[in-house]
Amino acid sequence: MAKMFIGGESVDSVTGQTSDVRNPATGDVVDTVPKGNAEDVRRAIDSAEAAFDDWSHTSAEERAELLFKAAAAVEAERKNLSEILTREQGKPLQEASTEIEHFLHGLDFYAGLASKVRGAQVPLPAKNAYGMVVRKPLGVCGAIVPWNFPITLMGTKVGPALAAGNTVVVKPASTTPLTTIRIIELMNQVGIPKGVLSVVTGPGGVVG
């Protein structure tokens, strides 16, 4: 059984319940995942909040390095990830592989932007007066990901948020959570601090 990933650990739901993930072509059960609830979401948010201060003060260069490493870890398992995505989502294997490629390109792109976030100096009406624009991370971000392009779209949410110094809780679609879970496990294995990136599974009406 696949598990949620919260606070740097693979965990079950506090409910103890699970949901089946089915191959849309055959109806066969591919795997099961925890059927999370609001308490699981709160656990993930609390973990992300605890990790935010240190992560937001991590240098942009270090955040970029970790994202580049995460992309390399995903690339190394691309074949397996493509097969998982095909089984749970139903698209042809070549399209699944291309989707992983789009995710990788996006992660590399946002990693490259991490050190290029700039503020601004703005002239004010008063004589010799200027205002300073300083860009800061927002905090904990929730990333709700649809089923049709689950990995590409997850990357467009997670990549820029992490690069900018935010922490993220991902909620994949109930029908396509497996590839997302595995990718987030891989990203955490390269040194991203505990709590910075988590994933919670469960019904959309309950967990988002």
N, C-alpha and C. Protein backbone atom coordinates (compact mmCIF):
# COMPACT_ATOMS: atom_id res chain seq x y z
N MET A 1 0.83 -1.20 0.00
CA MET A 1 0.00 0.00 0.00
C MET A 1 0.87 1.25 0.00
N ALA A 2 0.52 2.21 -0.85
CA ALA A 2 1.20 3.50 -0.83
C ALA A 2 0.75 4.27 0.41
N LYS A 3 1.57 5.21 0.84
CA LYS A 3 1.24 5.98 2.04
C LYS A 3 1.39 7.47 1.77
N MET A 4 0.76 8.26 2.62
CA MET A 4 0.96 9.69 2.57
C MET A 4 2.38 10.00 3.04
N PHE A 5 2.84 11.21 2.76
CA PHE A 5 4.18 11.61 3.18
C PHE A 5 4.04 12.94 3.93
N ILE A 6 4.24 12.88 5.24
CA ILE A 6 4.05 14.06 6.09
C ILE A 6 5.23 14.18 7.04
N GLY A 7 5.82 15.36 7.09
CA GLY A 7 6.90 15.60 8.04
C GLY A 7 8.11 14.72 7.82
N GLY A 8 8.37 14.39 6.56
CA GLY A 8 9.54 13.58 6.25
C GLY A 8 9.35 12.09 6.44
N GLU A 9 8.11 11.65 6.67
CA GLU A 9 7.85 10.23 6.92
C GLU A 9 6.66 9.74 6.11
N SER A 10 6.70 8.47 5.72
CA SER A 10 5.56 7.82 5.09
C SER A 10 4.60 7.38 6.19
N VAL A 11 3.35 7.83 6.11
CA VAL A 11 2.40 7.60 7.20
C VAL A 11 1.05 7.16 6.65
N ASP A 12 0.29 6.48 7.52
CA ASP A 12 -1.10 6.15 7.23
C ASP A 12 -1.99 7.30 7.70
N SER A 13 -3.25 7.24 7.33
CA SER A 13 -4.21 8.22 7.83
C SER A 13 -4.59 7.89 9.27
N VAL A 14 -4.94 8.92 10.02
CA VAL A 14 -5.42 8.68 11.38
C VAL A 14 -6.73 7.90 11.36
N THR A 15 -7.43 7.90 10.22
CA THR A 15 -8.68 7.15 10.12
C THR A 15 -8.45 5.65 10.05
N GLY A 16 -7.26 5.26 9.58
CA GLY A 16 -7.00 3.84 9.36
C GLY A 16 -7.67 3.30 8.12
N GLN A 17 -8.37 4.16 7.37
CA GLN A 17 -9.10 3.72 6.18
C GLN A 17 -8.24 3.90 4.93
N THR A 18 -8.60 3.16 3.90
CA THR A 18 -7.87 3.25 2.63
C THR A 18 -8.86 3.34 1.46
N SER A 19 -8.34 3.78 0.32
CA SER A 19 -9.11 3.83 -0.92
C SER A 19 -8.35 3.10 -2.01
N ASP A 20 -9.08 2.46 -2.91
CA ASP A 20 -8.46 1.78 -4.04
C ASP A 20 -8.15 2.76 -5.16
N VAL A 21 -7.02 2.56 -5.80
CA VAL A 21 -6.68 3.27 -7.03
C VAL A 21 -6.79 2.25 -8.16
N ARG A 22 -7.63 2.53 -9.15
CA ARG A 22 -7.92 1.55 -10.19
C ARG A 22 -7.37 1.96 -11.55
N ASN A 23 -6.97 0.97 -12.30
CA ASN A 23 -6.57 1.18 -13.69
C ASN A 23 -7.84 1.52 -14.48
N PRO A 24 -7.92 2.70 -15.10
CA PRO A 24 -9.16 3.07 -15.79
C PRO A 24 -9.45 2.23 -17.02
N ALA A 25 -8.44 1.54 -17.55
CA ALA A 25 -8.65 0.71 -18.74
C ALA A 25 -9.26 -0.64 -18.39
N THR A 26 -8.87 -1.18 -17.24
CA THR A 26 -9.29 -2.54 -16.88
C THR A 26 -10.18 -2.60 -15.65
N GLY A 27 -10.14 -1.56 -14.84
CA GLY A 27 -10.88 -1.58 -13.59
C GLY A 27 -10.16 -2.31 -12.48
N ASP A 28 -8.99 -2.87 -12.77
CA ASP A 28 -8.22 -3.59 -11.76
C ASP A 28 -7.65 -2.62 -10.72
N VAL A 29 -7.54 -3.09 -9.49
CA VAL A 29 -6.94 -2.29 -8.43
C VAL A 29 -5.43 -2.26 -8.63
N VAL A 30 -4.88 -1.06 -8.76
CA VAL A 30 -3.43 -0.89 -8.93
C VAL A 30 -2.75 -0.86 -7.57
N ASP A 31 -3.35 -0.16 -6.62
CA ASP A 31 -2.78 -0.02 -5.28
C ASP A 31 -3.85 0.61 -4.40
N THR A 32 -3.55 0.72 -3.12
CA THR A 32 -4.43 1.44 -2.21
C THR A 32 -3.65 2.59 -1.58
N VAL A 33 -4.39 3.61 -1.18
CA VAL A 33 -3.78 4.77 -0.52
C VAL A 33 -4.61 5.12 0.71
N PRO A 34 -4.01 5.82 1.67
CA PRO A 34 -4.77 6.23 2.85
C PRO A 34 -5.94 7.14 2.48
N LYS A 35 -7.05 6.95 3.16
CA LYS A 35 -8.23 7.80 2.99
C LYS A 35 -8.18 8.86 4.08
N GLY A 36 -7.48 9.95 3.77
CA GLY A 36 -7.21 10.97 4.76
C GLY A 36 -8.43 11.80 5.13
N ASN A 37 -8.27 12.56 6.22
CA ASN A 37 -9.33 13.47 6.65
C ASN A 37 -8.72 14.80 7.07
N ALA A 38 -9.54 15.66 7.66
CA ALA A 38 -9.07 17.00 8.03
C ALA A 38 -7.93 16.95 9.04
N GLU A 39 -7.93 15.97 9.91
CA GLU A 39 -6.85 15.86 10.88
C GLU A 39 -5.51 15.57 10.20
N ASP A 40 -5.54 14.76 9.16
CA ASP A 40 -4.32 14.49 8.39
C ASP A 40 -3.82 15.76 7.71
N VAL A 41 -4.75 16.54 7.17
CA VAL A 41 -4.37 17.81 6.55
C VAL A 41 -3.74 18.73 7.59
N ARG A 42 -4.32 18.79 8.77
CA ARG A 42 -3.77 19.63 9.83
C ARG A 42 -2.37 19.16 10.23
N ARG A 43 -2.17 17.86 10.28
CA ARG A 43 -0.81 17.35 10.58
C ARG A 43 0.19 17.85 9.55
N ALA A 44 -0.19 17.79 8.28
CA ALA A 44 0.71 18.22 7.22
C ALA A 44 0.96 19.73 7.28
N ILE A 45 -0.09 20.50 7.55
CA ILE A 45 0.07 21.95 7.65
C ILE A 45 0.95 22.32 8.83
N ASP A 46 0.72 21.67 9.97
CA ASP A 46 1.54 21.95 11.15
C ASP A 46 3.01 21.65 10.87
N SER A 47 3.26 20.54 10.19
CA SER A 47 4.63 20.18 9.84
C SER A 47 5.24 21.21 8.90
N ALA A 48 4.44 21.67 7.93
CA ALA A 48 4.92 22.67 6.98
C ALA A 48 5.18 24.00 7.66
N GLU A 49 4.32 24.37 8.61
CA GLU A 49 4.52 25.62 9.35
C GLU A 49 5.80 25.56 10.19
N ALA A 50 6.05 24.40 10.80
CA ALA A 50 7.25 24.24 11.62
C ALA A 50 8.52 24.33 10.78
N ALA A 51 8.42 23.89 9.52
CA ALA A 51 9.60 23.89 8.65
C ALA A 51 9.80 25.21 7.93
N PHE A 52 8.78 26.07 7.93
CA PHE A 52 8.81 27.26 7.09
C PHE A 52 9.93 28.24 7.44
N ASP A 53 10.12 28.52 8.71
CA ASP A 53 11.09 29.55 9.08
C ASP A 53 12.49 29.21 8.57
N ASP A 54 12.93 27.99 8.84
CA ASP A 54 14.27 27.60 8.38
C ASP A 54 14.35 27.57 6.85
N TRP A 55 13.32 27.02 6.20
CA TRP A 55 13.35 26.91 4.74
C TRP A 55 13.33 28.29 4.08
N SER A 56 12.54 29.19 4.62
CA SER A 56 12.44 30.53 4.02
C SER A 56 13.74 31.31 4.18
N HIS A 57 14.55 30.94 5.17
CA HIS A 57 15.84 31.61 5.37
C HIS A 57 17.00 30.82 4.77
N THR A 58 16.70 29.70 4.14
CA THR A 58 17.72 28.98 3.39
C THR A 58 18.08 29.80 2.16
N SER A 59 19.35 29.85 1.82
CA SER A 59 19.75 30.68 0.68
C SER A 59 19.09 30.19 -0.61
N ALA A 60 18.87 31.12 -1.51
CA ALA A 60 18.28 30.77 -2.80
C ALA A 60 19.14 29.77 -3.54
N GLU A 61 20.45 29.90 -3.42
CA GLU A 61 21.36 28.97 -4.09
C GLU A 61 21.20 27.55 -3.55
N GLU A 62 21.02 27.42 -2.23
CA GLU A 62 20.85 26.09 -1.65
C GLU A 62 19.50 25.49 -2.04
N ARG A 63 18.46 26.31 -2.05
CA ARG A 63 17.16 25.81 -2.50
C ARG A 63 17.24 25.34 -3.94
N ALA A 64 17.92 26.11 -4.78
CA ALA A 64 18.07 25.73 -6.19
C ALA A 64 18.83 24.42 -6.31
N GLU A 65 19.89 24.26 -5.54
CA GLU A 65 20.68 23.03 -5.61
C GLU A 65 19.84 21.82 -5.25
N LEU A 66 19.00 21.96 -4.23
CA LEU A 66 18.15 20.84 -3.82
C LEU A 66 17.11 20.52 -4.89
N LEU A 67 16.58 21.52 -5.55
CA LEU A 67 15.61 21.26 -6.62
C LEU A 67 16.27 20.60 -7.82
N PHE A 68 17.49 21.01 -8.15
CA PHE A 68 18.22 20.33 -9.23
C PHE A 68 18.48 18.86 -8.86
N LYS A 69 18.84 18.62 -7.61
CA LYS A 69 19.06 17.24 -7.15
C LYS A 69 17.75 16.44 -7.20
N ALA A 70 16.66 17.09 -6.83
CA ALA A 70 15.36 16.41 -6.87
C ALA A 70 15.00 16.02 -8.29
N ALA A 71 15.26 16.91 -9.24
CA ALA A 71 14.98 16.60 -10.64
C ALA A 71 15.82 15.42 -11.11
N ALA A 72 17.07 15.37 -10.69
CA ALA A 72 17.94 14.26 -11.07
C ALA A 72 17.44 12.94 -10.49
N ALA A 73 16.94 12.98 -9.26
CA ALA A 73 16.42 11.77 -8.63
C ALA A 73 15.17 11.26 -9.35
N VAL A 74 14.32 12.18 -9.78
CA VAL A 74 13.12 11.79 -10.53
C VAL A 74 13.51 11.25 -11.90
N GLU A 75 14.45 11.90 -12.55
CA GLU A 75 14.92 11.43 -13.87
C GLU A 75 15.45 10.01 -13.79
N ALA A 76 16.16 9.68 -12.72
CA ALA A 76 16.74 8.35 -12.56
C ALA A 76 15.66 7.27 -12.46
N GLU A 77 14.45 7.65 -12.05
CA GLU A 77 13.37 6.68 -11.91
C GLU A 77 12.24 6.95 -12.92
N ARG A 78 12.59 7.63 -13.98
CA ARG A 78 11.57 8.06 -14.95
C ARG A 78 10.80 6.89 -15.55
N LYS A 79 11.46 5.82 -15.91
CA LYS A 79 10.78 4.68 -16.53
C LYS A 79 9.73 4.11 -15.58
N ASN A 80 10.12 3.88 -14.34
CA ASN A 80 9.18 3.33 -13.36
C ASN A 80 8.03 4.28 -13.10
N LEU A 81 8.32 5.57 -12.99
CA LEU A 81 7.28 6.56 -12.75
C LEU A 81 6.30 6.63 -13.92
N SER A 82 6.81 6.52 -15.14
CA SER A 82 5.94 6.53 -16.31
C SER A 82 4.99 5.34 -16.30
N GLU A 83 5.48 4.20 -15.89
CA GLU A 83 4.64 3.00 -15.82
C GLU A 83 3.56 3.15 -14.76
N ILE A 84 3.93 3.71 -13.61
CA ILE A 84 2.93 3.94 -12.56
C ILE A 84 1.85 4.89 -13.06
N LEU A 85 2.28 5.96 -13.72
CA LEU A 85 1.33 6.96 -14.21
C LEU A 85 0.38 6.36 -15.24
N THR A 86 0.89 5.53 -16.13
CA THR A 86 0.03 4.87 -17.12
C THR A 86 -0.99 3.96 -16.45
N ARG A 87 -0.56 3.22 -15.44
CA ARG A 87 -1.48 2.30 -14.77
C ARG A 87 -2.60 3.04 -14.03
N GLU A 88 -2.28 4.16 -13.41
CA GLU A 88 -3.31 4.83 -12.61
C GLU A 88 -4.12 5.86 -13.41
N GLN A 89 -3.52 6.40 -14.48
CA GLN A 89 -4.18 7.50 -15.18
C GLN A 89 -4.73 7.09 -16.54
N GLY A 90 -4.07 6.11 -17.19
CA GLY A 90 -4.62 5.56 -18.42
C GLY A 90 -4.01 6.06 -19.70
N LYS A 91 -3.16 7.09 -19.64
CA LYS A 91 -2.59 7.59 -20.89
C LYS A 91 -1.51 6.64 -21.39
N PRO A 92 -1.22 6.63 -22.69
CA PRO A 92 -0.18 5.75 -23.22
C PRO A 92 1.17 5.99 -22.54
N LEU A 93 1.99 4.96 -22.54
CA LEU A 93 3.27 5.03 -21.83
C LEU A 93 4.14 6.17 -22.34
N GLN A 94 4.16 6.39 -23.66
CA GLN A 94 4.97 7.47 -24.21
C GLN A 94 4.49 8.83 -23.70
N GLU A 95 3.18 9.01 -23.63
CA GLU A 95 2.65 10.27 -23.12
C GLU A 95 2.97 10.44 -21.64
N ALA A 96 2.92 9.34 -20.91
CA ALA A 96 3.27 9.41 -19.49
C ALA A 96 4.72 9.82 -19.31
N SER A 97 5.60 9.25 -20.12
CA SER A 97 7.02 9.60 -20.06
C SER A 97 7.23 11.07 -20.41
N THR A 98 6.48 11.55 -21.40
CA THR A 98 6.58 12.96 -21.79
C THR A 98 6.10 13.86 -20.66
N GLU A 99 5.08 13.43 -19.95
CA GLU A 99 4.60 14.23 -18.82
C GLU A 99 5.67 14.33 -17.72
N ILE A 100 6.35 13.24 -17.45
CA ILE A 100 7.45 13.28 -16.48
C ILE A 100 8.53 14.24 -16.97
N GLU A 101 8.79 14.22 -18.28
CA GLU A 101 9.78 15.13 -18.86
C GLU A 101 9.38 16.59 -18.65
N HIS A 102 8.11 16.90 -18.84
CA HIS A 102 7.64 18.27 -18.62
C HIS A 102 7.83 18.68 -17.16
N PHE A 103 7.56 17.75 -16.26
CA PHE A 103 7.78 18.03 -14.84
C PHE A 103 9.25 18.35 -14.57
N LEU A 104 10.14 17.56 -15.16
CA LEU A 104 11.58 17.77 -14.96
C LEU A 104 12.04 19.11 -15.51
N HIS A 105 11.58 19.45 -16.71
CA HIS A 105 11.95 20.74 -17.30
C HIS A 105 11.47 21.89 -16.42
N GLY A 106 10.25 21.75 -15.90
CA GLY A 106 9.71 22.79 -15.04
C GLY A 106 10.50 22.94 -13.76
N LEU A 107 10.85 21.81 -13.14
CA LEU A 107 11.60 21.87 -11.89
C LEU A 107 12.97 22.51 -12.11
N ASP A 108 13.62 22.15 -13.19
CA ASP A 108 14.91 22.78 -13.52
C ASP A 108 14.74 24.28 -13.77
N PHE A 109 13.67 24.64 -14.46
CA PHE A 109 13.43 26.06 -14.77
C PHE A 109 13.26 26.87 -13.49
N TYR A 110 12.41 26.39 -12.58
CA TYR A 110 12.16 27.13 -11.35
C TYR A 110 13.37 27.12 -10.43
N ALA A 111 14.13 26.03 -10.45
CA ALA A 111 15.37 26.01 -9.68
C ALA A 111 16.31 27.11 -10.16
N GLY A 112 16.36 27.29 -11.47
CA GLY A 112 17.20 28.34 -12.04
C GLY A 112 16.74 29.74 -11.68
N LEU A 113 15.45 29.90 -11.41
CA LEU A 113 14.91 31.21 -11.04
C LEU A 113 15.09 31.53 -9.56
N ALA A 114 15.39 30.52 -8.75
CA ALA A 114 15.42 30.72 -7.30
C ALA A 114 16.33 31.86 -6.88
N SER A 115 17.48 31.97 -7.51
CA SER A 115 18.45 33.00 -7.13
C SER A 115 18.24 34.31 -7.89
N LYS A 116 17.18 34.39 -8.68
CA LYS A 116 16.96 35.57 -9.52
C LYS A 116 15.75 36.39 -9.09
N VAL A 117 15.20 36.07 -7.92
CA VAL A 117 14.09 36.86 -7.40
C VAL A 117 14.64 38.20 -6.93
N ARG A 118 14.11 39.27 -7.45
CA ARG A 118 14.64 40.60 -7.15
C ARG A 118 13.55 41.50 -6.59
N GLY A 119 13.95 42.41 -5.72
CA GLY A 119 13.06 43.46 -5.24
C GLY A 119 13.15 44.66 -6.17
N ALA A 120 12.82 45.82 -5.63
CA ALA A 120 12.86 47.03 -6.46
C ALA A 120 13.00 48.26 -5.58
N GLN A 121 13.53 49.31 -6.18
CA GLN A 121 13.59 50.62 -5.53
C GLN A 121 12.67 51.55 -6.31
N VAL A 122 11.67 52.11 -5.63
CA VAL A 122 10.62 52.88 -6.29
C VAL A 122 10.67 54.33 -5.84
N PRO A 123 10.80 55.29 -6.75
CA PRO A 123 10.76 56.71 -6.37
C PRO A 123 9.41 57.08 -5.76
N LEU A 124 9.45 57.86 -4.68
CA LEU A 124 8.23 58.33 -4.03
C LEU A 124 8.03 59.82 -4.33
N PRO A 125 6.81 60.34 -4.11
CA PRO A 125 6.55 61.75 -4.44
C PRO A 125 7.44 62.75 -3.70
N ALA A 126 7.81 62.43 -2.47
CA ALA A 126 8.66 63.35 -1.70
C ALA A 126 10.06 63.43 -2.31
N LYS A 127 10.70 64.56 -2.11
CA LYS A 127 12.03 64.77 -2.67
C LYS A 127 13.05 63.80 -2.06
N ASN A 128 13.85 63.17 -2.93
CA ASN A 128 14.90 62.25 -2.51
C ASN A 128 14.37 61.11 -1.64
N ALA A 129 13.15 60.69 -1.88
CA ALA A 129 12.56 59.59 -1.11
C ALA A 129 12.29 58.40 -2.03
N TYR A 130 12.59 57.22 -1.50
CA TYR A 130 12.42 56.00 -2.28
C TYR A 130 11.76 54.93 -1.41
N GLY A 131 10.98 54.12 -2.05
CA GLY A 131 10.41 52.96 -1.38
C GLY A 131 11.12 51.69 -1.83
N MET A 132 11.27 50.77 -0.91
CA MET A 132 11.93 49.51 -1.21
C MET A 132 10.90 48.39 -1.30
N VAL A 133 10.94 47.63 -2.37
CA VAL A 133 10.10 46.44 -2.52
C VAL A 133 10.95 45.22 -2.21
N VAL A 134 10.56 44.49 -1.18
CA VAL A 134 11.27 43.28 -0.77
C VAL A 134 10.34 42.09 -0.94
N ARG A 135 10.76 41.10 -1.68
CA ARG A 135 9.93 39.92 -1.93
C ARG A 135 10.23 38.85 -0.88
N LYS A 136 9.18 38.37 -0.23
CA LYS A 136 9.34 37.37 0.81
C LYS A 136 8.41 36.18 0.54
N PRO A 137 8.79 34.99 1.01
CA PRO A 137 7.91 33.83 0.87
C PRO A 137 6.59 34.07 1.60
N LEU A 138 5.53 33.44 1.12
CA LEU A 138 4.21 33.63 1.70
C LEU A 138 3.99 32.77 2.94
N GLY A 139 4.48 31.52 2.91
CA GLY A 139 4.24 30.60 4.02
C GLY A 139 3.91 29.22 3.49
N VAL A 140 2.90 28.61 4.09
CA VAL A 140 2.47 27.26 3.68
C VAL A 140 1.52 27.37 2.49
N CYS A 141 1.81 26.63 1.43
CA CYS A 141 0.97 26.63 0.22
C CYS A 141 0.29 25.27 0.07
N GLY A 142 -0.97 25.29 -0.31
CA GLY A 142 -1.67 24.07 -0.64
C GLY A 142 -1.74 23.91 -2.15
N ALA A 143 -1.40 22.72 -2.64
CA ALA A 143 -1.38 22.47 -4.09
C ALA A 143 -2.37 21.35 -4.40
N ILE A 144 -3.55 21.72 -4.88
CA ILE A 144 -4.56 20.73 -5.27
C ILE A 144 -4.38 20.42 -6.75
N VAL A 145 -4.14 19.16 -7.05
CA VAL A 145 -3.71 18.76 -8.40
C VAL A 145 -4.78 17.91 -9.07
N PRO A 146 -5.17 18.23 -10.32
CA PRO A 146 -6.19 17.46 -11.03
C PRO A 146 -5.64 16.14 -11.57
N TRP A 147 -6.53 15.35 -12.13
CA TRP A 147 -6.19 13.99 -12.55
C TRP A 147 -5.60 13.92 -13.95
N ASN A 148 -5.88 14.93 -14.81
CA ASN A 148 -5.60 14.74 -16.24
C ASN A 148 -4.12 14.90 -16.59
N PHE A 149 -3.44 15.85 -15.94
CA PHE A 149 -1.99 15.99 -16.08
C PHE A 149 -1.39 16.13 -14.69
N PRO A 150 -1.49 15.09 -13.90
CA PRO A 150 -1.18 15.21 -12.47
C PRO A 150 0.26 15.58 -12.15
N ILE A 151 1.20 15.15 -12.98
CA ILE A 151 2.61 15.40 -12.66
C ILE A 151 3.06 16.75 -13.23
N THR A 152 2.71 17.03 -14.46
CA THR A 152 3.04 18.33 -15.04
C THR A 152 2.47 19.46 -14.18
N LEU A 153 1.20 19.36 -13.82
CA LEU A 153 0.55 20.43 -13.07
C LEU A 153 1.02 20.48 -11.63
N MET A 154 1.37 19.35 -11.06
CA MET A 154 1.97 19.37 -9.73
C MET A 154 3.28 20.14 -9.75
N GLY A 155 4.06 19.95 -10.82
CA GLY A 155 5.33 20.64 -10.94
C GLY A 155 5.19 22.14 -11.05
N THR A 156 4.12 22.60 -11.74
CA THR A 156 3.93 24.05 -11.90
C THR A 156 3.50 24.71 -10.60
N LYS A 157 3.07 23.93 -9.64
CA LYS A 157 2.70 24.46 -8.32
C LYS A 157 3.86 24.32 -7.33
N VAL A 158 4.42 23.13 -7.26
CA VAL A 158 5.47 22.85 -6.28
C VAL A 158 6.77 23.57 -6.63
N GLY A 159 7.16 23.57 -7.91
CA GLY A 159 8.44 24.15 -8.30
C GLY A 159 8.62 25.60 -7.89
N PRO A 160 7.73 26.51 -8.33
CA PRO A 160 7.91 27.92 -7.96
C PRO A 160 7.73 28.18 -6.48
N ALA A 161 6.82 27.43 -5.84
CA ALA A 161 6.60 27.65 -4.40
C ALA A 161 7.85 27.32 -3.59
N LEU A 162 8.46 26.17 -3.88
CA LEU A 162 9.67 25.78 -3.15
C LEU A 162 10.84 26.70 -3.49
N ALA A 163 10.97 27.04 -4.76
CA ALA A 163 12.08 27.91 -5.17
C ALA A 163 12.03 29.25 -4.46
N ALA A 164 10.82 29.75 -4.20
CA ALA A 164 10.65 31.05 -3.56
C ALA A 164 10.75 30.98 -2.04
N GLY A 165 10.87 29.77 -1.48
CA GLY A 165 11.04 29.64 -0.04
C GLY A 165 9.79 29.30 0.72
N ASN A 166 8.74 28.89 0.02
CA ASN A 166 7.51 28.45 0.68
C ASN A 166 7.57 26.96 0.99
N THR A 167 6.73 26.51 1.90
CA THR A 167 6.55 25.08 2.12
C THR A 167 5.22 24.67 1.48
N VAL A 168 5.09 23.38 1.14
CA VAL A 168 3.96 22.95 0.30
C VAL A 168 3.35 21.65 0.82
N VAL A 169 2.03 21.62 0.85
CA VAL A 169 1.27 20.39 1.07
C VAL A 169 0.52 20.09 -0.22
N VAL A 170 0.78 18.94 -0.81
CA VAL A 170 0.17 18.55 -2.09
C VAL A 170 -1.03 17.65 -1.83
N LYS A 171 -2.13 17.90 -2.53
CA LYS A 171 -3.30 17.03 -2.51
C LYS A 171 -3.57 16.57 -3.94
N PRO A 172 -3.15 15.35 -4.30
CA PRO A 172 -3.41 14.83 -5.65
C PRO A 172 -4.87 14.39 -5.79
N ALA A 173 -5.31 14.28 -7.04
CA ALA A 173 -6.64 13.74 -7.30
C ALA A 173 -6.73 12.32 -6.75
N SER A 174 -7.90 11.96 -6.26
CA SER A 174 -8.08 10.65 -5.65
C SER A 174 -7.84 9.51 -6.62
N THR A 175 -8.02 9.77 -7.92
CA THR A 175 -7.84 8.71 -8.92
C THR A 175 -6.39 8.56 -9.36
N THR A 176 -5.55 9.58 -9.11
CA THR A 176 -4.16 9.55 -9.61
C THR A 176 -3.15 10.02 -8.56
N PRO A 177 -3.10 9.37 -7.40
CA PRO A 177 -2.17 9.84 -6.37
C PRO A 177 -0.81 9.15 -6.37
N LEU A 178 -0.68 8.01 -7.05
CA LEU A 178 0.48 7.14 -6.83
C LEU A 178 1.79 7.73 -7.34
N THR A 179 1.78 8.26 -8.54
CA THR A 179 3.02 8.84 -9.09
C THR A 179 3.44 10.05 -8.28
N THR A 180 2.47 10.85 -7.87
CA THR A 180 2.77 12.03 -7.05
C THR A 180 3.43 11.63 -5.74
N ILE A 181 2.88 10.62 -5.08
CA ILE A 181 3.46 10.16 -3.82
C ILE A 181 4.91 9.75 -4.02
N ARG A 182 5.16 8.97 -5.06
CA ARG A 182 6.53 8.49 -5.28
C ARG A 182 7.48 9.64 -5.59
N ILE A 183 7.04 10.60 -6.39
CA ILE A 183 7.91 11.73 -6.71
C ILE A 183 8.23 12.54 -5.46
N ILE A 184 7.26 12.75 -4.61
CA ILE A 184 7.52 13.52 -3.39
C ILE A 184 8.44 12.76 -2.46
N GLU A 185 8.32 11.44 -2.41
CA GLU A 185 9.29 10.65 -1.65
C GLU A 185 10.70 10.86 -2.19
N LEU A 186 10.85 10.80 -3.51
CA LEU A 186 12.17 10.97 -4.13
C LEU A 186 12.73 12.37 -3.85
N MET A 187 11.89 13.38 -3.94
CA MET A 187 12.35 14.74 -3.70
C MET A 187 12.81 14.93 -2.26
N ASN A 188 12.14 14.27 -1.33
CA ASN A 188 12.55 14.37 0.06
C ASN A 188 13.85 13.64 0.35
N GLN A 189 14.17 12.66 -0.47
CA GLN A 189 15.37 11.87 -0.24
C GLN A 189 16.66 12.60 -0.58
N VAL A 190 16.58 13.73 -1.27
CA VAL A 190 17.81 14.43 -1.69
C VAL A 190 18.24 15.48 -0.69
N GLY A 191 17.50 15.63 0.41
CA GLY A 191 17.93 16.57 1.43
C GLY A 191 16.99 17.72 1.71
N ILE A 192 15.85 17.77 1.02
CA ILE A 192 14.85 18.78 1.36
C ILE A 192 14.41 18.54 2.80
N PRO A 193 14.45 19.55 3.65
CA PRO A 193 14.17 19.35 5.08
C PRO A 193 12.77 18.80 5.35
N LYS A 194 12.65 18.08 6.46
CA LYS A 194 11.37 17.49 6.85
C LYS A 194 10.30 18.57 6.99
N GLY A 195 9.14 18.26 6.43
CA GLY A 195 8.01 19.17 6.54
C GLY A 195 7.88 20.17 5.42
N VAL A 196 8.94 20.36 4.64
CA VAL A 196 8.90 21.34 3.56
C VAL A 196 7.95 20.91 2.45
N LEU A 197 7.91 19.61 2.16
CA LEU A 197 7.08 19.09 1.06
C LEU A 197 6.38 17.82 1.52
N SER A 198 5.05 17.88 1.61
CA SER A 198 4.26 16.74 2.06
C SER A 198 3.15 16.45 1.06
N VAL A 199 2.55 15.28 1.19
CA VAL A 199 1.41 14.92 0.35
C VAL A 199 0.36 14.22 1.20
N VAL A 200 -0.89 14.63 1.02
CA VAL A 200 -2.02 14.05 1.73
C VAL A 200 -3.00 13.51 0.70
N THR A 201 -3.50 12.30 0.92
CA THR A 201 -4.47 11.70 0.01
C THR A 201 -5.83 11.57 0.70
N GLY A 202 -6.87 11.58 -0.12
CA GLY A 202 -8.21 11.43 0.43
C GLY A 202 -9.24 12.08 -0.47
N PRO A 203 -10.52 11.96 -0.11
CA PRO A 203 -11.60 12.51 -0.94
C PRO A 203 -11.51 14.03 -1.03
N GLY A 204 -11.80 14.56 -2.21
CA GLY A 204 -11.73 16.00 -2.41
C GLY A 204 -12.65 16.77 -1.49
N GLY A 205 -13.83 16.24 -1.21
CA GLY A 205 -14.77 16.94 -0.36
C GLY A 205 -14.35 17.01 1.09
N VAL A 206 -13.36 16.20 1.45
CA VAL A 206 -12.90 16.14 2.85
C VAL A 206 -11.56 16.83 3.03
N VAL A 207 -10.61 16.53 2.14
CA VAL A 207 -9.25 17.07 2.32
C VAL A 207 -8.88 18.11 1.27
N GLY A 208 -9.75 18.38 0.30
CA GLY A 208 -9.46 19.43 -0.67
C GLY A 208 -9.27 18.89 -2.07
